[in-house]
Amino acid sequence: MKWYNEELTSKLRESLEKEIIGWYKVTSKKMLGCPCYLANGKMFAGLITKAVVITKLTEFEIIEIKKLHETKPFNVGGKTLKKWGCLPLDPIDLKSILPLIVKSYERALNKK
């Protein structure tokens, strides 16, 4: 299974990168063929085809985001990552989840 299709996701990737690439200590790299974004070497967000993945959310934040957006569990290797939110989005909807991306970024930046 291919996790990421650039042709279908390029506008979402460009919108996300426009917001986050200049943040302090943010780097990007590909993992499993997908663009991933790290703060201080810790992943805080990524992309799969037509969706943003946010990696460091609380249970409460997962519940709250489900009220605003379609979400789906993020499964890798048969395991569901419960603190990861996977949100299929159009690029114009990115601003609505940016506060959660910021929280995930801050948690990654402060994690030792």
PDB file of N, CA and C in Angstrom:
ATOM      1  N   MET A   1       0.837  -1.185   0.000  1.00  0.00           N
ATOM      2  CA  MET A   1       0.000   0.000   0.000  1.00  0.00           C
ATOM      3  C   MET A   1       0.883   1.249   0.000  1.00  0.00           C
ATOM      4  N   LYS A   2       0.584   2.171  -0.865  1.00  0.00           N
ATOM      5  CA  LYS A   2       1.322   3.430  -0.937  1.00  0.00           C
ATOM      6  C   LYS A   2       0.630   4.443  -0.025  1.00  0.00           C
ATOM      7  N   TRP A   3       1.375   5.004   0.919  1.00  0.00           N
ATOM      8  CA  TRP A   3       0.817   5.916   1.914  1.00  0.00           C
ATOM      9  C   TRP A   3       0.617   7.330   1.379  1.00  0.00           C
ATOM     10  N   TYR A   4       1.452   7.721   0.419  1.00  0.00           N
ATOM     11  CA  TYR A   4       1.448   9.126   0.018  1.00  0.00           C
ATOM     12  C   TYR A   4       1.495   9.261  -1.497  1.00  0.00           C
ATOM     13  N   ASN A   5       0.588  10.088  -2.013  1.00  0.00           N
ATOM     14  CA  ASN A   5       0.549  10.405  -3.439  1.00  0.00           C
ATOM     15  C   ASN A   5       0.715  11.919  -3.576  1.00  0.00           C
ATOM     16  N   GLU A   6       1.863  12.344  -4.070  1.00  0.00           N
ATOM     17  CA  GLU A   6       2.169  13.775  -4.188  1.00  0.00           C
ATOM     18  C   GLU A   6       1.204  14.479  -5.136  1.00  0.00           C
ATOM     19  N   GLU A   7       0.830  13.817  -6.195  1.00  0.00           N
ATOM     20  CA  GLU A   7      -0.081  14.434  -7.165  1.00  0.00           C
ATOM     21  C   GLU A   7      -1.414  14.815  -6.512  1.00  0.00           C
ATOM     22  N   LEU A   8      -1.917  13.971  -5.626  1.00  0.00           N
ATOM     23  CA  LEU A   8      -3.196  14.233  -4.962  1.00  0.00           C
ATOM     24  C   LEU A   8      -3.071  15.129  -3.733  1.00  0.00           C
ATOM     25  N   THR A   9      -1.850  15.291  -3.221  1.00  0.00           N
ATOM     26  CA  THR A   9      -1.674  15.963  -1.927  1.00  0.00           C
ATOM     27  C   THR A   9      -0.777  17.189  -2.000  1.00  0.00           C
ATOM     28  N   SER A  10      -0.283  17.544  -3.160  1.00  0.00           N
ATOM     29  CA  SER A  10       0.702  18.627  -3.257  1.00  0.00           C
ATOM     30  C   SER A  10       0.190  19.957  -2.717  1.00  0.00           C
ATOM     31  N   LYS A  11      -1.043  20.308  -2.987  1.00  0.00           N
ATOM     32  CA  LYS A  11      -1.569  21.600  -2.506  1.00  0.00           C
ATOM     33  C   LYS A  11      -1.674  21.617  -0.977  1.00  0.00           C
ATOM     34  N   LEU A  12      -2.077  20.505  -0.382  1.00  0.00           N
ATOM     35  CA  LEU A  12      -2.133  20.409   1.076  1.00  0.00           C
ATOM     36  C   LEU A  12      -0.719  20.483   1.653  1.00  0.00           C
ATOM     37  N   ARG A  13       0.237  19.777   1.047  1.00  0.00           N
ATOM     38  CA  ARG A  13       1.624  19.822   1.513  1.00  0.00           C
ATOM     39  C   ARG A  13       2.176  21.242   1.430  1.00  0.00           C
ATOM     40  N   GLU A  14       1.946  21.905   0.307  1.00  0.00           N
ATOM     41  CA  GLU A  14       2.441  23.275   0.139  1.00  0.00           C
ATOM     42  C   GLU A  14       1.833  24.216   1.174  1.00  0.00           C
ATOM     43  N   SER A  15       0.552  24.068   1.455  1.00  0.00           N
ATOM     44  CA  SER A  15      -0.117  24.915   2.454  1.00  0.00           C
ATOM     45  C   SER A  15       0.448  24.668   3.846  1.00  0.00           C
ATOM     46  N   LEU A  16       0.646  23.394   4.192  1.00  0.00           N
ATOM     47  CA  LEU A  16       1.198  23.066   5.507  1.00  0.00           C
ATOM     48  C   LEU A  16       2.624  23.589   5.629  1.00  0.00           C
ATOM     49  N   GLU A  17       3.434  23.358   4.627  1.00  0.00           N
ATOM     50  CA  GLU A  17       4.824  23.809   4.692  1.00  0.00           C
ATOM     51  C   GLU A  17       4.930  25.327   4.743  1.00  0.00           C
ATOM     52  N   LYS A  18       4.032  26.020   4.076  1.00  0.00           N
ATOM     53  CA  LYS A  18       4.027  27.488   4.130  1.00  0.00           C
ATOM     54  C   LYS A  18       3.841  27.966   5.569  1.00  0.00           C
ATOM     55  N   GLU A  19       3.061  27.228   6.343  1.00  0.00           N
ATOM     56  CA  GLU A  19       2.805  27.597   7.739  1.00  0.00           C
ATOM     57  C   GLU A  19       3.953  27.219   8.675  1.00  0.00           C
ATOM     58  N   ILE A  20       4.546  26.034   8.505  1.00  0.00           N
ATOM     59  CA  ILE A  20       5.399  25.494   9.566  1.00  0.00           C
ATOM     60  C   ILE A  20       6.899  25.453   9.292  1.00  0.00           C
ATOM     61  N   ILE A  21       7.321  25.513   8.055  1.00  0.00           N
ATOM     62  CA  ILE A  21       8.746  25.306   7.766  1.00  0.00           C
ATOM     63  C   ILE A  21       9.646  26.348   8.439  1.00  0.00           C
ATOM     64  N   GLY A  22       9.193  27.547   8.655  1.00  0.00           N
ATOM     65  CA  GLY A  22      10.018  28.567   9.296  1.00  0.00           C
ATOM     66  C   GLY A  22      10.027  28.523  10.817  1.00  0.00           C
ATOM     67  N   TRP A  23       9.261  27.621  11.415  1.00  0.00           N
ATOM     68  CA  TRP A  23       9.218  27.540  12.873  1.00  0.00           C
ATOM     69  C   TRP A  23      10.576  27.074  13.414  1.00  0.00           C
ATOM     70  N   TYR A  24      10.860  27.483  14.635  1.00  0.00           N
ATOM     71  CA  TYR A  24      12.114  27.170  15.311  1.00  0.00           C
ATOM     72  C   TYR A  24      12.355  25.657  15.353  1.00  0.00           C
ATOM     73  N   LYS A  25      13.525  25.248  14.883  1.00  0.00           N
ATOM     74  CA  LYS A  25      13.993  23.861  14.905  1.00  0.00           C
ATOM     75  C   LYS A  25      13.126  22.882  14.121  1.00  0.00           C
ATOM     76  N   VAL A  26      12.346  23.357  13.154  1.00  0.00           N
ATOM     77  CA  VAL A  26      11.539  22.451  12.332  1.00  0.00           C
ATOM     78  C   VAL A  26      12.363  21.963  11.145  1.00  0.00           C
ATOM     79  N   THR A  27      12.339  20.665  10.967  1.00  0.00           N
ATOM     80  CA  THR A  27      12.953  20.035   9.809  1.00  0.00           C
ATOM     81  C   THR A  27      11.923  19.109   9.175  1.00  0.00           C
ATOM     82  N   SER A  28      12.205  18.703   7.961  1.00  0.00           N
ATOM     83  CA  SER A  28      11.310  17.752   7.301  1.00  0.00           C
ATOM     84  C   SER A  28      12.126  16.590   6.767  1.00  0.00           C
ATOM     85  N   LYS A  29      11.481  15.445   6.700  1.00  0.00           N
ATOM     86  CA  LYS A  29      12.093  14.282   6.083  1.00  0.00           C
ATOM     87  C   LYS A  29      10.988  13.314   5.692  1.00  0.00           C
ATOM     88  N   LYS A  30      11.327  12.388   4.830  1.00  0.00           N
ATOM     89  CA  LYS A  30      10.347  11.384   4.414  1.00  0.00           C
ATOM     90  C   LYS A  30      10.471  10.159   5.313  1.00  0.00           C
ATOM     91  N   MET A  31       9.313   9.666   5.736  1.00  0.00           N
ATOM     92  CA  MET A  31       9.237   8.429   6.502  1.00  0.00           C
ATOM     93  C   MET A  31       8.128   7.598   5.868  1.00  0.00           C
ATOM     94  N   LEU A  32       8.420   6.349   5.555  1.00  0.00           N
ATOM     95  CA  LEU A  32       7.475   5.482   4.845  1.00  0.00           C
ATOM     96  C   LEU A  32       6.999   6.145   3.553  1.00  0.00           C
ATOM     97  N   GLY A  33       7.854   6.984   2.971  1.00  0.00           N
ATOM     98  CA  GLY A  33       7.518   7.669   1.732  1.00  0.00           C
ATOM     99  C   GLY A  33       6.647   8.897   1.898  1.00  0.00           C
ATOM    100  N   CYS A  34       6.376   9.288   3.141  1.00  0.00           N
ATOM    101  CA  CYS A  34       5.486  10.418   3.435  1.00  0.00           C
ATOM    102  C   CYS A  34       6.281  11.598   3.982  1.00  0.00           C
ATOM    103  N   PRO A  35       5.902  12.831   3.624  1.00  0.00           N
ATOM    104  CA  PRO A  35       6.536  13.995   4.236  1.00  0.00           C
ATOM    105  C   PRO A  35       6.192  14.050   5.729  1.00  0.00           C
ATOM    106  N   CYS A  36       7.219  14.200   6.551  1.00  0.00           N
ATOM    107  CA  CYS A  36       7.030  14.305   8.001  1.00  0.00           C
ATOM    108  C   CYS A  36       7.769  15.539   8.494  1.00  0.00           C
ATOM    109  N   TYR A  37       7.265  16.109   9.568  1.00  0.00           N
ATOM    110  CA  TYR A  37       7.798  17.359  10.091  1.00  0.00           C
ATOM    111  C   TYR A  37       8.180  17.147  11.544  1.00  0.00           C
ATOM    112  N   LEU A  38       9.401  17.561  11.868  1.00  0.00           N
ATOM    113  CA  LEU A  38       9.970  17.310  13.179  1.00  0.00           C
ATOM    114  C   LEU A  38      10.379  18.618  13.835  1.00  0.00           C
ATOM    115  N   ALA A  39      10.281  18.637  15.150  1.00  0.00           N
ATOM    116  CA  ALA A  39      10.783  19.751  15.952  1.00  0.00           C
ATOM    117  C   ALA A  39      11.804  19.160  16.908  1.00  0.00           C
ATOM    118  N   ASN A  40      13.011  19.662  16.842  1.00  0.00           N
ATOM    119  CA  ASN A  40      14.061  19.153  17.705  1.00  0.00           C
ATOM    120  C   ASN A  40      14.250  17.644  17.502  1.00  0.00           C
ATOM    121  N   GLY A  41      14.010  17.174  16.285  1.00  0.00           N
ATOM    122  CA  GLY A  41      14.183  15.761  15.968  1.00  0.00           C
ATOM    123  C   GLY A  41      13.007  14.860  16.291  1.00  0.00           C
ATOM    124  N   LYS A  42      11.934  15.410  16.838  1.00  0.00           N
ATOM    125  CA  LYS A  42      10.742  14.629  17.208  1.00  0.00           C
ATOM    126  C   LYS A  42       9.595  14.971  16.265  1.00  0.00           C
ATOM    127  N   MET A  43       8.955  13.957  15.722  1.00  0.00           N
ATOM    128  CA  MET A  43       7.870  14.174  14.770  1.00  0.00           C
ATOM    129  C   MET A  43       6.649  14.783  15.450  1.00  0.00           C
ATOM    130  N   PHE A  44       6.090  15.829  14.825  1.00  0.00           N
ATOM    131  CA  PHE A  44       4.864  16.434  15.343  1.00  0.00           C
ATOM    132  C   PHE A  44       3.739  16.442  14.317  1.00  0.00           C
ATOM    133  N   ALA A  45       4.067  16.270  13.047  1.00  0.00           N
ATOM    134  CA  ALA A  45       3.029  16.242  12.009  1.00  0.00           C
ATOM    135  C   ALA A  45       3.578  15.534  10.777  1.00  0.00           C
ATOM    136  N   GLY A  46       2.656  15.114   9.940  1.00  0.00           N
ATOM    137  CA  GLY A  46       3.038  14.475   8.692  1.00  0.00           C
ATOM    138  C   GLY A  46       1.864  14.486   7.735  1.00  0.00           C
ATOM    139  N   LEU A  47       2.108  13.953   6.572  1.00  0.00           N
ATOM    140  CA  LEU A  47       1.060  13.881   5.559  1.00  0.00           C
ATOM    141  C   LEU A  47       0.961  12.462   5.029  1.00  0.00           C
ATOM    142  N   ILE A  48      -0.261  12.031   4.791  1.00  0.00           N
ATOM    143  CA  ILE A  48      -0.530  10.872   3.967  1.00  0.00           C
ATOM    144  C   ILE A  48      -1.435  11.391   2.858  1.00  0.00           C
ATOM    145  N   THR A  49      -1.793  10.572   1.916  1.00  0.00           N
ATOM    146  CA  THR A  49      -2.583  11.058   0.791  1.00  0.00           C
ATOM    147  C   THR A  49      -3.843  11.776   1.260  1.00  0.00           C
ATOM    148  N   LYS A  50      -3.926  13.064   0.919  1.00  0.00           N
ATOM    149  CA  LYS A  50      -5.075  13.941   1.195  1.00  0.00           C
ATOM    150  C   LYS A  50      -5.423  14.071   2.681  1.00  0.00           C
ATOM    151  N   ALA A  51      -4.437  13.892   3.567  1.00  0.00           N
ATOM    152  CA  ALA A  51      -4.706  13.990   5.006  1.00  0.00           C
ATOM    153  C   ALA A  51      -3.474  14.473   5.763  1.00  0.00           C
ATOM    154  N   VAL A  52      -3.749  15.201   6.851  1.00  0.00           N
ATOM    155  CA  VAL A  52      -2.709  15.632   7.784  1.00  0.00           C
ATOM    156  C   VAL A  52      -2.746  14.689   8.979  1.00  0.00           C
ATOM    157  N   VAL A  53      -1.575  14.292   9.429  1.00  0.00           N
ATOM    158  CA  VAL A  53      -1.449  13.467  10.625  1.00  0.00           C
ATOM    159  C   VAL A  53      -0.783  14.331  11.690  1.00  0.00           C
ATOM    160  N   ILE A  54      -1.412  14.420  12.856  1.00  0.00           N
ATOM    161  CA  ILE A  54      -0.856  15.173  13.984  1.00  0.00           C
ATOM    162  C   ILE A  54      -0.512  14.146  15.054  1.00  0.00           C
ATOM    163  N   THR A  55       0.732  14.167  15.533  1.00  0.00           N
ATOM    164  CA  THR A  55       1.220  13.037  16.330  1.00  0.00           C
ATOM    165  C   THR A  55       1.144  13.181  17.840  1.00  0.00           C
ATOM    166  N   LYS A  56       1.035  14.355  18.350  1.00  0.00           N
ATOM    167  CA  LYS A  56       1.123  14.516  19.803  1.00  0.00           C
ATOM    168  C   LYS A  56      -0.116  15.210  20.348  1.00  0.00           C
ATOM    169  N   LEU A  57      -1.218  14.485  20.353  1.00  0.00           N
ATOM    170  CA  LEU A  57      -2.486  15.033  20.837  1.00  0.00           C
ATOM    171  C   LEU A  57      -2.910  14.326  22.117  1.00  0.00           C
ATOM    172  N   THR A  58      -3.631  15.041  22.953  1.00  0.00           N
ATOM    173  CA  THR A  58      -4.198  14.419  24.149  1.00  0.00           C
ATOM    174  C   THR A  58      -5.506  13.731  23.773  1.00  0.00           C
ATOM    175  N   GLU A  59      -5.992  12.872  24.659  1.00  0.00           N
ATOM    176  CA  GLU A  59      -7.284  12.222  24.415  1.00  0.00           C
ATOM    177  C   GLU A  59      -8.387  13.267  24.258  1.00  0.00           C
ATOM    178  N   PHE A  60      -8.351  14.303  25.080  1.00  0.00           N
ATOM    179  CA  PHE A  60      -9.348  15.370  25.002  1.00  0.00           C
ATOM    180  C   PHE A  60      -9.293  16.067  23.641  1.00  0.00           C
ATOM    181  N   GLU A  61      -8.099  16.350  23.160  1.00  0.00           N
ATOM    182  CA  GLU A  61      -7.959  17.011  21.854  1.00  0.00           C
ATOM    183  C   GLU A  61      -8.479  16.130  20.719  1.00  0.00           C
ATOM    184  N   ILE A  62      -8.244  14.837  20.822  1.00  0.00           N
ATOM    185  CA  ILE A  62      -8.775  13.906  19.808  1.00  0.00           C
ATOM    186  C   ILE A  62     -10.299  13.966  19.809  1.00  0.00           C
ATOM    187  N   ILE A  63     -10.904  13.959  20.985  1.00  0.00           N
ATOM    188  CA  ILE A  63     -12.373  14.037  21.095  1.00  0.00           C
ATOM    189  C   ILE A  63     -12.871  15.351  20.511  1.00  0.00           C
ATOM    190  N   GLU A  64     -12.216  16.453  20.848  1.00  0.00           N
ATOM    191  CA  GLU A  64     -12.633  17.769  20.368  1.00  0.00           C
ATOM    192  C   GLU A  64     -12.501  17.903  18.851  1.00  0.00           C
ATOM    193  N   ILE A  65     -11.424  17.396  18.295  1.00  0.00           N
ATOM    194  CA  ILE A  65     -11.238  17.533  16.846  1.00  0.00           C
ATOM    195  C   ILE A  65     -12.265  16.711  16.086  1.00  0.00           C
ATOM    196  N   LYS A  66     -12.698  15.602  16.671  1.00  0.00           N
ATOM    197  CA  LYS A  66     -13.722  14.773  16.013  1.00  0.00           C
ATOM    198  C   LYS A  66     -15.046  15.517  15.889  1.00  0.00           C
ATOM    199  N   LYS A  67     -15.266  16.501  16.755  1.00  0.00           N
ATOM    200  CA  LYS A  67     -16.489  17.309  16.675  1.00  0.00           C
ATOM    201  C   LYS A  67     -16.441  18.279  15.491  1.00  0.00           C
ATOM    202  N   LEU A  68     -15.244  18.639  15.050  1.00  0.00           N
ATOM    203  CA  LEU A  68     -15.066  19.645  14.003  1.00  0.00           C
ATOM    204  C   LEU A  68     -14.744  19.071  12.630  1.00  0.00           C
ATOM    205  N   HIS A  69     -14.058  17.936  12.610  1.00  0.00           N
ATOM    206  CA  HIS A  69     -13.563  17.377  11.348  1.00  0.00           C
ATOM    207  C   HIS A  69     -13.734  15.872  11.325  1.00  0.00           C
ATOM    208  N   GLU A  70     -13.854  15.368  10.117  1.00  0.00           N
ATOM    209  CA  GLU A  70     -13.778  13.921   9.937  1.00  0.00           C
ATOM    210  C   GLU A  70     -12.376  13.500  10.366  1.00  0.00           C
ATOM    211  N   THR A  71     -12.302  12.474  11.147  1.00  0.00           N
ATOM    212  CA  THR A  71     -11.003  11.924  11.529  1.00  0.00           C
ATOM    213  C   THR A  71     -11.043  10.425  11.295  1.00  0.00           C
ATOM    214  N   LYS A  72      -9.871   9.862  11.178  1.00  0.00           N
ATOM    215  CA  LYS A  72      -9.800   8.417  11.087  1.00  0.00           C
ATOM    216  C   LYS A  72      -8.605   7.959  11.904  1.00  0.00           C
ATOM    217  N   PRO A  73      -8.671   6.741  12.410  1.00  0.00           N
ATOM    218  CA  PRO A  73      -7.542   6.246  13.197  1.00  0.00           C
ATOM    219  C   PRO A  73      -6.303   6.116  12.316  1.00  0.00           C
ATOM    220  N   PHE A  74      -5.157   6.323  12.905  1.00  0.00           N
ATOM    221  CA  PHE A  74      -3.918   6.127  12.167  1.00  0.00           C
ATOM    222  C   PHE A  74      -3.369   4.769  12.559  1.00  0.00           C
ATOM    223  N   ASN A  75      -3.316   3.883  11.595  1.00  0.00           N
ATOM    224  CA  ASN A  75      -2.849   2.518  11.817  1.00  0.00           C
ATOM    225  C   ASN A  75      -1.554   2.297  11.055  1.00  0.00           C
ATOM    226  N   VAL A  76      -0.598   1.713  11.729  1.00  0.00           N
ATOM    227  CA  VAL A  76       0.653   1.345  11.079  1.00  0.00           C
ATOM    228  C   VAL A  76       1.070  -0.018  11.632  1.00  0.00           C
ATOM    229  N   GLY A  77       1.361  -0.919  10.744  1.00  0.00           N
ATOM    230  CA  GLY A  77       1.776  -2.257  11.161  1.00  0.00           C
ATOM    231  C   GLY A  77       0.734  -2.978  11.992  1.00  0.00           C
ATOM    232  N   GLY A  78      -0.544  -2.707  11.731  1.00  0.00           N
ATOM    233  CA  GLY A  78      -1.617  -3.349  12.478  1.00  0.00           C
ATOM    234  C   GLY A  78      -1.881  -2.739  13.843  1.00  0.00           C
ATOM    235  N   LYS A  79      -1.182  -1.673  14.168  1.00  0.00           N
ATOM    236  CA  LYS A  79      -1.336  -1.019  15.474  1.00  0.00           C
ATOM    237  C   LYS A  79      -1.953   0.364  15.278  1.00  0.00           C
ATOM    238  N   THR A  80      -2.979   0.681  16.092  1.00  0.00           N
ATOM    239  CA  THR A  80      -3.593   2.008  16.055  1.00  0.00           C
ATOM    240  C   THR A  80      -2.851   2.915  17.025  1.00  0.00           C
ATOM    241  N   LEU A  81      -2.405   4.054  16.523  1.00  0.00           N
ATOM    242  CA  LEU A  81      -1.711   5.030  17.365  1.00  0.00           C
ATOM    243  C   LEU A  81      -2.752   6.004  17.906  1.00  0.00           C
ATOM    244  N   LYS A  82      -3.118   5.835  19.163  1.00  0.00           N
ATOM    245  CA  LYS A  82      -4.261   6.537  19.753  1.00  0.00           C
ATOM    246  C   LYS A  82      -4.055   8.035  19.918  1.00  0.00           C
ATOM    247  N   LYS A  83      -2.833   8.480  20.076  1.00  0.00           N
ATOM    248  CA  LYS A  83      -2.590   9.914  20.263  1.00  0.00           C
ATOM    249  C   LYS A  83      -2.287  10.623  18.952  1.00  0.00           C
ATOM    250  N   TRP A  84      -2.477   9.926  17.864  1.00  0.00           N
ATOM    251  CA  TRP A  84      -2.260  10.510  16.544  1.00  0.00           C
ATOM    252  C   TRP A  84      -3.613  10.773  15.914  1.00  0.00           C
ATOM    253  N   GLY A  85      -3.800  11.983  15.420  1.00  0.00           N
ATOM    254  CA  GLY A  85      -5.020  12.318  14.699  1.00  0.00           C
ATOM    255  C   GLY A  85      -4.749  12.327  13.208  1.00  0.00           C
ATOM    256  N   CYS A  86      -5.597  11.688  12.452  1.00  0.00           N
ATOM    257  CA  CYS A  86      -5.469  11.650  10.996  1.00  0.00           C
ATOM    258  C   CYS A  86      -6.692  12.340  10.416  1.00  0.00           C
ATOM    259  N   LEU A  87      -6.477  13.480   9.771  1.00  0.00           N
ATOM    260  CA  LEU A  87      -7.578  14.323   9.315  1.00  0.00           C
ATOM    261  C   LEU A  87      -7.544  14.530   7.811  1.00  0.00           C
ATOM    262  N   PRO A  88      -8.436  13.873   7.085  1.00  0.00           N
ATOM    263  CA  PRO A  88      -8.545  14.164   5.655  1.00  0.00           C
ATOM    264  C   PRO A  88      -8.996  15.616   5.483  1.00  0.00           C
ATOM    265  N   LEU A  89      -8.236  16.402   4.720  1.00  0.00           N
ATOM    266  CA  LEU A  89      -8.511  17.838   4.614  1.00  0.00           C
ATOM    267  C   LEU A  89      -8.301  18.364   3.206  1.00  0.00           C
ATOM    268  N   ASP A  90      -9.019  19.429   2.915  1.00  0.00           N
ATOM    269  CA  ASP A  90      -8.702  20.261   1.767  1.00  0.00           C
ATOM    270  C   ASP A  90      -7.741  21.334   2.272  1.00  0.00           C
ATOM    271  N   PRO A  91      -6.861  21.851   1.431  1.00  0.00           N
ATOM    272  CA  PRO A  91      -5.922  22.879   1.882  1.00  0.00           C
ATOM    273  C   PRO A  91      -6.599  24.076   2.557  1.00  0.00           C
ATOM    274  N   ILE A  92      -7.793  24.451   2.123  1.00  0.00           N
ATOM    275  CA  ILE A  92      -8.459  25.618   2.727  1.00  0.00           C
ATOM    276  C   ILE A  92      -8.880  25.361   4.170  1.00  0.00           C
ATOM    277  N   ASP A  93      -8.950  24.102   4.594  1.00  0.00           N
ATOM    278  CA  ASP A  93      -9.339  23.766   5.964  1.00  0.00           C
ATOM    279  C   ASP A  93      -8.158  23.706   6.926  1.00  0.00           C
ATOM    280  N   LEU A  94      -6.952  23.861   6.425  1.00  0.00           N
ATOM    281  CA  LEU A  94      -5.764  23.717   7.256  1.00  0.00           C
ATOM    282  C   LEU A  94      -5.746  24.689   8.433  1.00  0.00           C
ATOM    283  N   LYS A  95      -6.145  25.921   8.207  1.00  0.00           N
ATOM    284  CA  LYS A  95      -6.114  26.937   9.281  1.00  0.00           C
ATOM    285  C   LYS A  95      -6.919  26.491  10.500  1.00  0.00           C
ATOM    286  N   SER A  96      -7.994  25.736  10.278  1.00  0.00           N
ATOM    287  CA  SER A  96      -8.851  25.329  11.395  1.00  0.00           C
ATOM    288  C   SER A  96      -8.166  24.330  12.323  1.00  0.00           C
ATOM    289  N   ILE A  97      -7.166  23.604  11.835  1.00  0.00           N
ATOM    290  CA  ILE A  97      -6.471  22.647  12.704  1.00  0.00           C
ATOM    291  C   ILE A  97      -5.089  23.136  13.114  1.00  0.00           C
ATOM    292  N   LEU A  98      -4.687  24.297  12.630  1.00  0.00           N
ATOM    293  CA  LEU A  98      -3.364  24.824  12.952  1.00  0.00           C
ATOM    294  C   LEU A  98      -3.103  24.929  14.460  1.00  0.00           C
ATOM    295  N   PRO A  99      -4.077  25.331  15.286  1.00  0.00           N
ATOM    296  CA  PRO A  99      -3.802  25.364  16.726  1.00  0.00           C
ATOM    297  C   PRO A  99      -3.385  24.000  17.298  1.00  0.00           C
ATOM    298  N   LEU A 100      -3.931  22.917  16.768  1.00  0.00           N
ATOM    299  CA  LEU A 100      -3.535  21.587  17.240  1.00  0.00           C
ATOM    300  C   LEU A 100      -2.154  21.205  16.723  1.00  0.00           C
ATOM    301  N   ILE A 101      -1.830  21.642  15.525  1.00  0.00           N
ATOM    302  CA  ILE A 101      -0.485  21.400  15.007  1.00  0.00           C
ATOM    303  C   ILE A 101       0.528  22.153  15.866  1.00  0.00           C
ATOM    304  N   VAL A 102       0.186  23.369  16.273  1.00  0.00           N
ATOM    305  CA  VAL A 102       1.062  24.153  17.157  1.00  0.00           C
ATOM    306  C   VAL A 102       1.267  23.417  18.481  1.00  0.00           C
ATOM    307  N   LYS A 103       0.208  22.883  19.068  1.00  0.00           N
ATOM    308  CA  LYS A 103       0.338  22.147  20.336  1.00  0.00           C
ATOM    309  C   LYS A 103       1.244  20.928  20.169  1.00  0.00           C
ATOM    310  N   SER A 104       1.055  20.195  19.088  1.00  0.00           N
ATOM    311  CA  SER A 104       1.892  19.027  18.827  1.00  0.00           C
ATOM    312  C   SER A 104       3.353  19.448  18.645  1.00  0.00           C
ATOM    313  N   TYR A 105       3.569  20.536  17.922  1.00  0.00           N
ATOM    314  CA  TYR A 105       4.911  21.088  17.723  1.00  0.00           C
ATOM    315  C   TYR A 105       5.547  21.444  19.067  1.00  0.00           C
ATOM    316  N   GLU A 106       4.813  22.141  19.913  1.00  0.00           N
ATOM    317  CA  GLU A 106       5.352  22.553  21.213  1.00  0.00           C
ATOM    318  C   GLU A 106       5.708  21.340  22.066  1.00  0.00           C
ATOM    319  N   ARG A 107       4.881  20.311  22.026  1.00  0.00           N
ATOM    320  CA  ARG A 107       5.172  19.091  22.793  1.00  0.00           C
ATOM    321  C   ARG A 107       6.417  18.396  22.252  1.00  0.00           C
ATOM    322  N   ALA A 108       6.556  18.355  20.940  1.00  0.00           N
ATOM    323  CA  ALA A 108       7.741  17.733  20.341  1.00  0.00           C
ATOM    324  C   ALA A 108       8.993  18.541  20.670  1.00  0.00           C
ATOM    325  N   LEU A 109       8.891  19.839  20.611  1.00  0.00           N
ATOM    326  CA  LEU A 109      10.026  20.716  20.878  1.00  0.00           C
ATOM    327  C   LEU A 109      10.514  20.572  22.317  1.00  0.00           C
ATOM    328  N   ASN A 110       9.586  20.391  23.237  1.00  0.00           N
ATOM    329  CA  ASN A 110       9.934  20.314  24.655  1.00  0.00           C
ATOM    330  C   ASN A 110      10.240  18.907  25.144  1.00  0.00           C
ATOM    331  N   LYS A 111      10.009  17.895  24.294  1.00  0.00           N
ATOM    332  CA  LYS A 111      10.256  16.512  24.701  1.00  0.00           C
ATOM    333  C   LYS A 111      11.748  16.232  24.669  1.00  0.00           C
ATOM    334  N   LYS A 112      12.220  15.593  25.705  1.00  0.00           N
ATOM    335  CA  LYS A 112      13.660  15.274  25.779  1.00  0.00           C
ATOM    336  C   LYS A 112      13.900  13.823  25.535  1.00  0.00           C
TER     337      LYS A 112
END
